[in-house]
Amino acid sequence: LGHNYPDSQWYADSYQLLQKGGLEPRENAGSWIARAGK
């Protein structure tokens, strides 16, 4: 989401949600989401 829509409010909300758990966006190349993202 961030790679394709860095200025999106949806990305801002997602980033904030991950930060609550001490996480950050990180792509797993083996994920179906990464493949679909191409």
PDB file of all heavy atoms in Angstrom:
ATOM      1  N   LEU A   1       0.831  -1.202   0.000  1.00  0.00           N
ATOM      2  CA  LEU A   1       0.000   0.000   0.000  1.00  0.00           C
ATOM      3  C   LEU A   1       0.867   1.254   0.000  1.00  0.00           C
ATOM      4  O   LEU A   1       0.643   2.187  -0.788  1.00  0.00           O
ATOM      5  CB  LEU A   1      -0.927  -0.022   1.222  1.00  0.00           C
ATOM      6  CG  LEU A   1      -1.836   1.191   1.447  1.00  0.00           C
ATOM      7  CD1 LEU A   1      -2.739   1.427   0.244  1.00  0.00           C
ATOM      8  CD2 LEU A   1      -2.683   0.975   2.706  1.00  0.00           C
ATOM      9  N   GLY A   2       1.868   1.285   0.860  1.00  0.00           N
ATOM     10  CA  GLY A   2       2.723   2.455   0.955  1.00  0.00           C
ATOM     11  C   GLY A   2       3.575   2.678  -0.284  1.00  0.00           C
ATOM     12  O   GLY A   2       3.833   3.816  -0.682  1.00  0.00           O
ATOM     13  N   HIS A   3       3.999   1.580  -0.896  1.00  0.00           N
ATOM     14  CA  HIS A   3       4.835   1.685  -2.094  1.00  0.00           C
ATOM     15  C   HIS A   3       4.054   2.294  -3.257  1.00  0.00           C
ATOM     16  O   HIS A   3       4.591   3.089  -4.036  1.00  0.00           O
ATOM     17  CB  HIS A   3       5.360   0.312  -2.486  1.00  0.00           C
ATOM     18  CG  HIS A   3       6.304   0.337  -3.649  1.00  0.00           C
ATOM     19  ND1 HIS A   3       7.551   0.935  -3.591  1.00  0.00           N
ATOM     20  CD2 HIS A   3       6.170  -0.148  -4.918  1.00  0.00           C
ATOM     21  CE1 HIS A   3       8.145   0.822  -4.765  1.00  0.00           C
ATOM     22  NE2 HIS A   3       7.331   0.165  -5.581  1.00  0.00           N
ATOM     23  N   ASN A   4       2.796   1.914  -3.364  1.00  0.00           N
ATOM     24  CA  ASN A   4       1.982   2.360  -4.490  1.00  0.00           C
ATOM     25  C   ASN A   4       1.183   3.629  -4.211  1.00  0.00           C
ATOM     26  O   ASN A   4       0.922   4.410  -5.131  1.00  0.00           O
ATOM     27  CB  ASN A   4       1.023   1.244  -4.914  1.00  0.00           C
ATOM     28  CG  ASN A   4       1.733   0.083  -5.580  1.00  0.00           C
ATOM     29  OD1 ASN A   4       2.061   0.129  -6.756  1.00  0.00           O
ATOM     30  ND2 ASN A   4       1.996  -0.976  -4.797  1.00  0.00           N
ATOM     31  N   TYR A   5       0.817   3.823  -2.947  1.00  0.00           N
ATOM     32  CA  TYR A   5      -0.016   4.985  -2.596  1.00  0.00           C
ATOM     33  C   TYR A   5       0.548   5.646  -1.330  1.00  0.00           C
ATOM     34  O   TYR A   5      -0.112   5.656  -0.288  1.00  0.00           O
ATOM     35  CB  TYR A   5      -1.470   4.555  -2.381  1.00  0.00           C
ATOM     36  CG  TYR A   5      -2.018   3.749  -3.538  1.00  0.00           C
ATOM     37  CD1 TYR A   5      -2.084   2.348  -3.464  1.00  0.00           C
ATOM     38  CD2 TYR A   5      -2.453   4.372  -4.711  1.00  0.00           C
ATOM     39  CE1 TYR A   5      -2.571   1.603  -4.522  1.00  0.00           C
ATOM     40  CE2 TYR A   5      -2.946   3.625  -5.775  1.00  0.00           C
ATOM     41  CZ  TYR A   5      -3.003   2.244  -5.678  1.00  0.00           C
ATOM     42  OH  TYR A   5      -3.485   1.507  -6.730  1.00  0.00           O
ATOM     43  N   PRO A   6       1.740   6.194  -1.410  1.00  0.00           N
ATOM     44  CA  PRO A   6       2.398   6.712  -0.195  1.00  0.00           C
ATOM     45  C   PRO A   6       1.660   7.878   0.456  1.00  0.00           C
ATOM     46  O   PRO A   6       1.823   8.097   1.656  1.00  0.00           O
ATOM     47  CB  PRO A   6       3.774   7.147  -0.714  1.00  0.00           C
ATOM     48  CG  PRO A   6       3.578   7.380  -2.179  1.00  0.00           C
ATOM     49  CD  PRO A   6       2.580   6.357  -2.607  1.00  0.00           C
ATOM     50  N   ASP A   7       0.865   8.602  -0.291  1.00  0.00           N
ATOM     51  CA  ASP A   7       0.146   9.752   0.254  1.00  0.00           C
ATOM     52  C   ASP A   7      -1.279   9.427   0.659  1.00  0.00           C
ATOM     53  O   ASP A   7      -2.049  10.322   1.030  1.00  0.00           O
ATOM     54  CB  ASP A   7       0.135  10.895  -0.772  1.00  0.00           C
ATOM     55  CG  ASP A   7       1.537  11.363  -1.128  1.00  0.00           C
ATOM     56  OD1 ASP A   7       2.391  11.395  -0.216  1.00  0.00           O
ATOM     57  OD2 ASP A   7       1.780  11.672  -2.309  1.00  0.00           O
ATOM     58  N   SER A   8      -1.636   8.165   0.594  1.00  0.00           N
ATOM     59  CA  SER A   8      -3.000   7.750   0.888  1.00  0.00           C
ATOM     60  C   SER A   8      -3.293   7.817   2.387  1.00  0.00           C
ATOM     61  O   SER A   8      -2.453   7.437   3.219  1.00  0.00           O
ATOM     62  CB  SER A   8      -3.222   6.315   0.398  1.00  0.00           C
ATOM     63  OG  SER A   8      -4.409   5.779   0.915  1.00  0.00           O
ATOM     64  N   GLN A   9      -4.473   8.257   2.737  1.00  0.00           N
ATOM     65  CA  GLN A   9      -4.904   8.231   4.129  1.00  0.00           C
ATOM     66  C   GLN A   9      -5.013   6.795   4.619  1.00  0.00           C
ATOM     67  O   GLN A   9      -4.762   6.507   5.801  1.00  0.00           O
ATOM     68  CB  GLN A   9      -6.243   8.947   4.299  1.00  0.00           C
ATOM     69  CG  GLN A   9      -6.726   9.046   5.749  1.00  0.00           C
ATOM     70  CD  GLN A   9      -5.743   9.801   6.634  1.00  0.00           C
ATOM     71  OE1 GLN A   9      -5.281  10.896   6.270  1.00  0.00           O
ATOM     72  NE2 GLN A   9      -5.424   9.251   7.806  1.00  0.00           N
ATOM     73  N   TRP A  10      -5.377   5.882   3.699  1.00  0.00           N
ATOM     74  CA  TRP A  10      -5.443   4.467   4.068  1.00  0.00           C
ATOM     75  C   TRP A  10      -4.068   3.960   4.502  1.00  0.00           C
ATOM     76  O   TRP A  10      -3.952   3.168   5.433  1.00  0.00           O
ATOM     77  CB  TRP A  10      -5.975   3.626   2.900  1.00  0.00           C
ATOM     78  CG  TRP A  10      -7.420   3.842   2.616  1.00  0.00           C
ATOM     79  CD1 TRP A  10      -7.975   4.464   1.530  1.00  0.00           C
ATOM     80  CD2 TRP A  10      -8.521   3.439   3.448  1.00  0.00           C
ATOM     81  NE1 TRP A  10      -9.349   4.472   1.629  1.00  0.00           N
ATOM     82  CE2 TRP A  10      -9.714   3.844   2.794  1.00  0.00           C
ATOM     83  CE3 TRP A  10      -8.623   2.773   4.675  1.00  0.00           C
ATOM     84  CZ2 TRP A  10     -10.976   3.601   3.326  1.00  0.00           C
ATOM     85  CZ3 TRP A  10      -9.883   2.539   5.209  1.00  0.00           C
ATOM     86  CH2 TRP A  10     -11.041   2.954   4.537  1.00  0.00           C
ATOM     87  N   TYR A  11      -3.012   4.426   3.835  1.00  0.00           N
ATOM     88  CA  TYR A  11      -1.664   4.024   4.226  1.00  0.00           C
ATOM     89  C   TYR A  11      -1.287   4.622   5.575  1.00  0.00           C
ATOM     90  O   TYR A  11      -0.701   3.938   6.435  1.00  0.00           O
ATOM     91  CB  TYR A  11      -0.639   4.438   3.170  1.00  0.00           C
ATOM     92  CG  TYR A  11       0.781   4.136   3.586  1.00  0.00           C
ATOM     93  CD1 TYR A  11       1.173   2.825   3.861  1.00  0.00           C
ATOM     94  CD2 TYR A  11       1.714   5.160   3.736  1.00  0.00           C
ATOM     95  CE1 TYR A  11       2.475   2.534   4.261  1.00  0.00           C
ATOM     96  CE2 TYR A  11       3.017   4.876   4.134  1.00  0.00           C
ATOM     97  CZ  TYR A  11       3.390   3.563   4.399  1.00  0.00           C
ATOM     98  OH  TYR A  11       4.671   3.273   4.805  1.00  0.00           O
ATOM     99  N   ALA A  12      -1.642   5.888   5.775  1.00  0.00           N
ATOM    100  CA  ALA A  12      -1.348   6.537   7.057  1.00  0.00           C
ATOM    101  C   ALA A  12      -2.006   5.786   8.211  1.00  0.00           C
ATOM    102  O   ALA A  12      -1.395   5.565   9.268  1.00  0.00           O
ATOM    103  CB  ALA A  12      -1.815   7.991   7.025  1.00  0.00           C
ATOM    104  N   ASP A  13      -3.255   5.374   8.006  1.00  0.00           N
ATOM    105  CA  ASP A  13      -3.971   4.635   9.051  1.00  0.00           C
ATOM    106  C   ASP A  13      -3.338   3.267   9.295  1.00  0.00           C
ATOM    107  O   ASP A  13      -3.236   2.812  10.443  1.00  0.00           O
ATOM    108  CB  ASP A  13      -5.437   4.463   8.647  1.00  0.00           C
ATOM    109  CG  ASP A  13      -6.190   5.790   8.615  1.00  0.00           C
ATOM    110  OD1 ASP A  13      -5.699   6.777   9.194  1.00  0.00           O
ATOM    111  OD2 ASP A  13      -7.271   5.828   7.986  1.00  0.00           O
ATOM    112  N   SER A  14      -2.933   2.604   8.198  1.00  0.00           N
ATOM    113  CA  SER A  14      -2.318   1.283   8.332  1.00  0.00           C
ATOM    114  C   SER A  14      -0.977   1.375   9.045  1.00  0.00           C
ATOM    115  O   SER A  14      -0.644   0.533   9.903  1.00  0.00           O
ATOM    116  CB  SER A  14      -2.130   0.649   6.937  1.00  0.00           C
ATOM    117  OG  SER A  14      -3.383   0.420   6.328  1.00  0.00           O
ATOM    118  N   TYR A  15      -0.207   2.377   8.705  1.00  0.00           N
ATOM    119  CA  TYR A  15       1.097   2.582   9.338  1.00  0.00           C
ATOM    120  C   TYR A  15       0.933   2.808  10.832  1.00  0.00           C
ATOM    121  O   TYR A  15       1.660   2.244  11.660  1.00  0.00           O
ATOM    122  CB  TYR A  15       1.793   3.781   8.692  1.00  0.00           C
ATOM    123  CG  TYR A  15       3.239   3.938   9.086  1.00  0.00           C
ATOM    124  CD1 TYR A  15       4.252   3.351   8.344  1.00  0.00           C
ATOM    125  CD2 TYR A  15       3.590   4.682  10.222  1.00  0.00           C
ATOM    126  CE1 TYR A  15       5.586   3.485   8.705  1.00  0.00           C
ATOM    127  CE2 TYR A  15       4.912   4.819  10.599  1.00  0.00           C
ATOM    128  CZ  TYR A  15       5.906   4.220   9.838  1.00  0.00           C
ATOM    129  OH  TYR A  15       7.215   4.362  10.204  1.00  0.00           O
ATOM    130  N   GLN A  16      -0.052   3.610  11.175  1.00  0.00           N
ATOM    131  CA  GLN A  16      -0.308   3.911  12.597  1.00  0.00           C
ATOM    132  C   GLN A  16      -0.737   2.659  13.342  1.00  0.00           C
ATOM    133  O   GLN A  16      -0.321   2.437  14.496  1.00  0.00           O
ATOM    134  CB  GLN A  16      -1.383   4.992  12.696  1.00  0.00           C
ATOM    135  CG  GLN A  16      -1.641   5.465  14.115  1.00  0.00           C
ATOM    136  CD  GLN A  16      -2.670   6.586  14.157  1.00  0.00           C
ATOM    137  OE1 GLN A  16      -3.590   6.630  13.349  1.00  0.00           O
ATOM    138  NE2 GLN A  16      -2.510   7.488  15.112  1.00  0.00           N
ATOM    139  N   LEU A  17      -1.546   1.819  12.697  1.00  0.00           N
ATOM    140  CA  LEU A  17      -1.998   0.583  13.333  1.00  0.00           C
ATOM    141  C   LEU A  17      -0.808  -0.332  13.629  1.00  0.00           C
ATOM    142  O   LEU A  17      -0.704  -0.893  14.728  1.00  0.00           O
ATOM    143  CB  LEU A  17      -2.994  -0.140  12.419  1.00  0.00           C
ATOM    144  CG  LEU A  17      -3.503  -1.505  12.913  1.00  0.00           C
ATOM    145  CD1 LEU A  17      -4.272  -1.360  14.227  1.00  0.00           C
ATOM    146  CD2 LEU A  17      -4.380  -2.174  11.844  1.00  0.00           C
ATOM    147  N   LEU A  18       0.085  -0.479  12.675  1.00  0.00           N
ATOM    148  CA  LEU A  18       1.267  -1.326  12.893  1.00  0.00           C
ATOM    149  C   LEU A  18       2.166  -0.768  13.993  1.00  0.00           C
ATOM    150  O   LEU A  18       2.720  -1.526  14.809  1.00  0.00           O
ATOM    151  CB  LEU A  18       2.061  -1.475  11.590  1.00  0.00           C
ATOM    152  CG  LEU A  18       1.409  -2.294  10.476  1.00  0.00           C
ATOM    153  CD1 LEU A  18       2.318  -2.313   9.259  1.00  0.00           C
ATOM    154  CD2 LEU A  18       1.109  -3.717  10.936  1.00  0.00           C
ATOM    155  N   GLN A  19       2.309   0.545  14.032  1.00  0.00           N
ATOM    156  CA  GLN A  19       3.167   1.168  15.041  1.00  0.00           C
ATOM    157  C   GLN A  19       2.683   0.872  16.458  1.00  0.00           C
ATOM    158  O   GLN A  19       3.488   0.763  17.380  1.00  0.00           O
ATOM    159  CB  GLN A  19       3.219   2.680  14.820  1.00  0.00           C
ATOM    160  CG  GLN A  19       4.242   3.119  13.779  1.00  0.00           C
ATOM    161  CD  GLN A  19       4.518   4.601  13.858  1.00  0.00           C
ATOM    162  OE1 GLN A  19       3.623   5.415  14.079  1.00  0.00           O
ATOM    163  NE2 GLN A  19       5.795   4.973  13.692  1.00  0.00           N
ATOM    164  N   LYS A  20       1.378   0.729  16.616  1.00  0.00           N
ATOM    165  CA  LYS A  20       0.830   0.414  17.935  1.00  0.00           C
ATOM    166  C   LYS A  20       1.393  -0.903  18.461  1.00  0.00           C
ATOM    167  O   LYS A  20       1.504  -1.099  19.672  1.00  0.00           O
ATOM    168  CB  LYS A  20      -0.705   0.343  17.872  1.00  0.00           C
ATOM    169  CG  LYS A  20      -1.392   1.682  17.687  1.00  0.00           C
ATOM    170  CD  LYS A  20      -2.907   1.503  17.654  1.00  0.00           C
ATOM    171  CE  LYS A  20      -3.633   2.830  17.463  1.00  0.00           C
ATOM    172  NZ  LYS A  20      -5.108   2.652  17.383  1.00  0.00           N
ATOM    173  N   GLY A  21       1.697  -1.800  17.567  1.00  0.00           N
ATOM    174  CA  GLY A  21       2.250  -3.094  17.967  1.00  0.00           C
ATOM    175  C   GLY A  21       3.757  -3.145  17.826  1.00  0.00           C
ATOM    176  O   GLY A  21       4.334  -4.240  17.849  1.00  0.00           O
ATOM    177  N   GLY A  22       4.376  -1.982  17.647  1.00  0.00           N
ATOM    178  CA  GLY A  22       5.815  -1.940  17.496  1.00  0.00           C
ATOM    179  C   GLY A  22       6.298  -2.481  16.162  1.00  0.00           C
ATOM    180  O   GLY A  22       7.436  -2.969  16.056  1.00  0.00           O
ATOM    181  N   LEU A  23       5.451  -2.421  15.149  1.00  0.00           N
ATOM    182  CA  LEU A  23       5.784  -2.959  13.831  1.00  0.00           C
ATOM    183  C   LEU A  23       5.856  -1.835  12.803  1.00  0.00           C
ATOM    184  O   LEU A  23       5.444  -0.700  13.057  1.00  0.00           O
ATOM    185  CB  LEU A  23       4.713  -3.971  13.395  1.00  0.00           C
ATOM    186  CG  LEU A  23       4.486  -5.169  14.321  1.00  0.00           C
ATOM    187  CD1 LEU A  23       3.238  -5.935  13.908  1.00  0.00           C
ATOM    188  CD2 LEU A  23       5.706  -6.085  14.306  1.00  0.00           C
ATOM    189  N   GLU A  24       6.353  -2.186  11.636  1.00  0.00           N
ATOM    190  CA  GLU A  24       6.374  -1.239  10.522  1.00  0.00           C
ATOM    191  C   GLU A  24       6.139  -2.009   9.225  1.00  0.00           C
ATOM    192  O   GLU A  24       6.279  -3.240   9.189  1.00  0.00           O
ATOM    193  CB  GLU A  24       7.711  -0.501  10.452  1.00  0.00           C
ATOM    194  CG  GLU A  24       8.904  -1.413  10.240  1.00  0.00           C
ATOM    195  CD  GLU A  24      10.211  -0.657  10.225  1.00  0.00           C
ATOM    196  OE1 GLU A  24      10.234   0.507  10.674  1.00  0.00           O
ATOM    197  OE2 GLU A  24      11.207  -1.232   9.763  1.00  0.00           O
ATOM    198  N   PRO A  25       5.757  -1.335   8.153  1.00  0.00           N
ATOM    199  CA  PRO A  25       5.554  -2.028   6.877  1.00  0.00           C
ATOM    200  C   PRO A  25       6.826  -2.733   6.424  1.00  0.00           C
ATOM    201  O   PRO A  25       7.917  -2.156   6.477  1.00  0.00           O
ATOM    202  CB  PRO A  25       5.193  -0.889   5.918  1.00  0.00           C
ATOM    203  CG  PRO A  25       4.616   0.165   6.799  1.00  0.00           C
ATOM    204  CD  PRO A  25       5.398   0.100   8.076  1.00  0.00           C
ATOM    205  N   ARG A  26       6.695  -3.976   6.022  1.00  0.00           N
ATOM    206  CA  ARG A  26       7.847  -4.743   5.544  1.00  0.00           C
ATOM    207  C   ARG A  26       7.333  -5.831   4.618  1.00  0.00           C
ATOM    208  O   ARG A  26       6.525  -6.655   5.023  1.00  0.00           O
ATOM    209  CB  ARG A  26       8.629  -5.340   6.708  1.00  0.00           C
ATOM    210  CG  ARG A  26       9.849  -6.161   6.258  1.00  0.00           C
ATOM    211  CD  ARG A  26      10.630  -6.705   7.448  1.00  0.00           C
ATOM    212  NE  ARG A  26      11.144  -5.612   8.277  1.00  0.00           N
ATOM    213  CZ  ARG A  26      11.129  -5.602   9.606  1.00  0.00           C
ATOM    214  NH1 ARG A  26      10.606  -6.628  10.254  1.00  0.00           N
ATOM    215  NH2 ARG A  26      11.637  -4.586  10.279  1.00  0.00           N
ATOM    216  N   GLU A  27       7.822  -5.817   3.397  1.00  0.00           N
ATOM    217  CA  GLU A  27       7.290  -6.745   2.400  1.00  0.00           C
ATOM    218  C   GLU A  27       7.953  -8.109   2.495  1.00  0.00           C
ATOM    219  O   GLU A  27       9.182  -8.227   2.535  1.00  0.00           O
ATOM    220  CB  GLU A  27       7.490  -6.175   0.993  1.00  0.00           C
ATOM    221  CG  GLU A  27       6.872  -7.045  -0.101  1.00  0.00           C
ATOM    222  CD  GLU A  27       6.895  -6.387  -1.466  1.00  0.00           C
ATOM    223  OE1 GLU A  27       6.760  -5.136  -1.524  1.00  0.00           O
ATOM    224  OE2 GLU A  27       7.061  -7.098  -2.463  1.00  0.00           O
ATOM    225  N   ASN A  28       7.119  -9.139   2.538  1.00  0.00           N
ATOM    226  CA  ASN A  28       7.563 -10.525   2.454  1.00  0.00           C
ATOM    227  C   ASN A  28       7.368 -10.963   1.004  1.00  0.00           C
ATOM    228  O   ASN A  28       6.242 -11.123   0.539  1.00  0.00           O
ATOM    229  CB  ASN A  28       6.753 -11.401   3.407  1.00  0.00           C
ATOM    230  CG  ASN A  28       7.038 -12.885   3.228  1.00  0.00           C
ATOM    231  OD1 ASN A  28       8.031 -13.262   2.616  1.00  0.00           O
ATOM    232  ND2 ASN A  28       6.151 -13.719   3.756  1.00  0.00           N
ATOM    233  N   ALA A  29       8.468 -11.164   0.293  1.00  0.00           N
ATOM    234  CA  ALA A  29       8.397 -11.459  -1.135  1.00  0.00           C
ATOM    235  C   ALA A  29       7.629 -12.742  -1.439  1.00  0.00           C
ATOM    236  O   ALA A  29       7.110 -12.918  -2.548  1.00  0.00           O
ATOM    237  CB  ALA A  29       9.804 -11.548  -1.723  1.00  0.00           C
ATOM    238  N   GLY A  30       7.519 -13.639  -0.477  1.00  0.00           N
ATOM    239  CA  GLY A  30       6.815 -14.888  -0.709  1.00  0.00           C
ATOM    240  C   GLY A  30       5.314 -14.801  -0.497  1.00  0.00           C
ATOM    241  O   GLY A  30       4.596 -15.772  -0.738  1.00  0.00           O
ATOM    242  N   SER A  31       4.841 -13.648  -0.066  1.00  0.00           N
ATOM    243  CA  SER A  31       3.409 -13.482   0.214  1.00  0.00           C
ATOM    244  C   SER A  31       2.602 -13.313  -1.074  1.00  0.00           C
ATOM    245  O   SER A  31       3.072 -12.721  -2.050  1.00  0.00           O
ATOM    246  CB  SER A  31       3.200 -12.251   1.097  1.00  0.00           C
ATOM    247  OG  SER A  31       1.826 -11.905   1.164  1.00  0.00           O
ATOM    248  N   TRP A  32       1.377 -13.813  -1.043  1.00  0.00           N
ATOM    249  CA  TRP A  32       0.489 -13.602  -2.184  1.00  0.00           C
ATOM    250  C   TRP A  32       0.243 -12.114  -2.407  1.00  0.00           C
ATOM    251  O   TRP A  32       0.033 -11.674  -3.550  1.00  0.00           O
ATOM    252  CB  TRP A  32      -0.837 -14.342  -1.986  1.00  0.00           C
ATOM    253  CG  TRP A  32      -1.764 -13.731  -0.945  1.00  0.00           C
ATOM    254  CD1 TRP A  32      -1.872 -14.100   0.361  1.00  0.00           C
ATOM    255  CD2 TRP A  32      -2.683 -12.658  -1.158  1.00  0.00           C
ATOM    256  NE1 TRP A  32      -2.812 -13.318   1.002  1.00  0.00           N
ATOM    257  CE2 TRP A  32      -3.327 -12.435   0.084  1.00  0.00           C
ATOM    258  CE3 TRP A  32      -3.042 -11.877  -2.240  1.00  0.00           C
ATOM    259  CZ2 TRP A  32      -4.300 -11.449   0.267  1.00  0.00           C
ATOM    260  CZ3 TRP A  32      -4.014 -10.892  -2.080  1.00  0.00           C
ATOM    261  CH2 TRP A  32      -4.632 -10.688  -0.839  1.00  0.00           C
ATOM    262  N   ILE A  33       0.284 -11.341  -1.331  1.00  0.00           N
ATOM    263  CA  ILE A  33       0.045  -9.904  -1.447  1.00  0.00           C
ATOM    264  C   ILE A  33       1.169  -9.241  -2.232  1.00  0.00           C
ATOM    265  O   ILE A  33       0.931  -8.351  -3.067  1.00  0.00           O
ATOM    266  CB  ILE A  33      -0.093  -9.252  -0.057  1.00  0.00           C
ATOM    267  CG1 ILE A  33      -1.195  -9.936   0.752  1.00  0.00           C
ATOM    268  CG2 ILE A  33      -0.387  -7.767  -0.183  1.00  0.00           C
ATOM    269  CD1 ILE A  33      -1.251  -9.506   2.207  1.00  0.00           C
ATOM    270  N   ALA A  34       2.401  -9.657  -1.987  1.00  0.00           N
ATOM    271  CA  ALA A  34       3.544  -9.113  -2.731  1.00  0.00           C
ATOM    272  C   ALA A  34       3.437  -9.452  -4.207  1.00  0.00           C
ATOM    273  O   ALA A  34       3.701  -8.610  -5.079  1.00  0.00           O
ATOM    274  CB  ALA A  34       4.847  -9.644  -2.151  1.00  0.00           C
ATOM    275  N   ARG A  35       3.032 -10.694  -4.505  1.00  0.00           N
ATOM    276  CA  ARG A  35       2.878 -11.089  -5.914  1.00  0.00           C
ATOM    277  C   ARG A  35       1.762 -10.293  -6.581  1.00  0.00           C
ATOM    278  O   ARG A  35       1.906  -9.814  -7.707  1.00  0.00           O
ATOM    279  CB  ARG A  35       2.584 -12.593  -6.012  1.00  0.00           C
ATOM    280  CG  ARG A  35       3.761 -13.477  -5.576  1.00  0.00           C
ATOM    281  CD  ARG A  35       3.508 -14.924  -5.974  1.00  0.00           C
ATOM    282  NE  ARG A  35       2.323 -15.472  -5.324  1.00  0.00           N
ATOM    283  CZ  ARG A  35       2.324 -16.055  -4.142  1.00  0.00           C
ATOM    284  NH1 ARG A  35       3.448 -16.161  -3.440  1.00  0.00           N
ATOM    285  NH2 ARG A  35       1.200 -16.549  -3.625  1.00  0.00           N
ATOM    286  N   ALA A  36       0.654 -10.140  -5.880  1.00  0.00           N
ATOM    287  CA  ALA A  36      -0.464  -9.376  -6.436  1.00  0.00           C
ATOM    288  C   ALA A  36      -0.097  -7.906  -6.583  1.00  0.00           C
ATOM    289  O   ALA A  36      -0.554  -7.230  -7.505  1.00  0.00           O
ATOM    290  CB  ALA A  36      -1.691  -9.519  -5.536  1.00  0.00           C
ATOM    291  N   GLY A  37       0.736  -7.429  -5.680  1.00  0.00           N
ATOM    292  CA  GLY A  37       1.127  -6.021  -5.727  1.00  0.00           C
ATOM    293  C   GLY A  37       1.875  -5.652  -6.988  1.00  0.00           C
ATOM    294  O   GLY A  37       1.861  -4.486  -7.413  1.00  0.00           O
ATOM    295  N   LYS A  38       2.522  -6.630  -7.627  1.00  0.00           N
ATOM    296  CA  LYS A  38       3.237  -6.357  -8.876  1.00  0.00           C
ATOM    297  C   LYS A  38       2.285  -5.940  -9.983  1.00  0.00           C
ATOM    298  O   LYS A  38       2.686  -5.243 -10.925  1.00  0.00           O
ATOM    299  CB  LYS A  38       4.033  -7.595  -9.291  1.00  0.00           C
ATOM    300  CG  LYS A  38       5.171  -7.922  -8.337  1.00  0.00           C
ATOM    301  CD  LYS A  38       5.899  -9.184  -8.749  1.00  0.00           C
ATOM    302  CE  LYS A  38       7.001  -9.533  -7.756  1.00  0.00           C
ATOM    303  NZ  LYS A  38       7.694 -10.793  -8.113  1.00  0.00           N
TER     304      LYS A  38
END
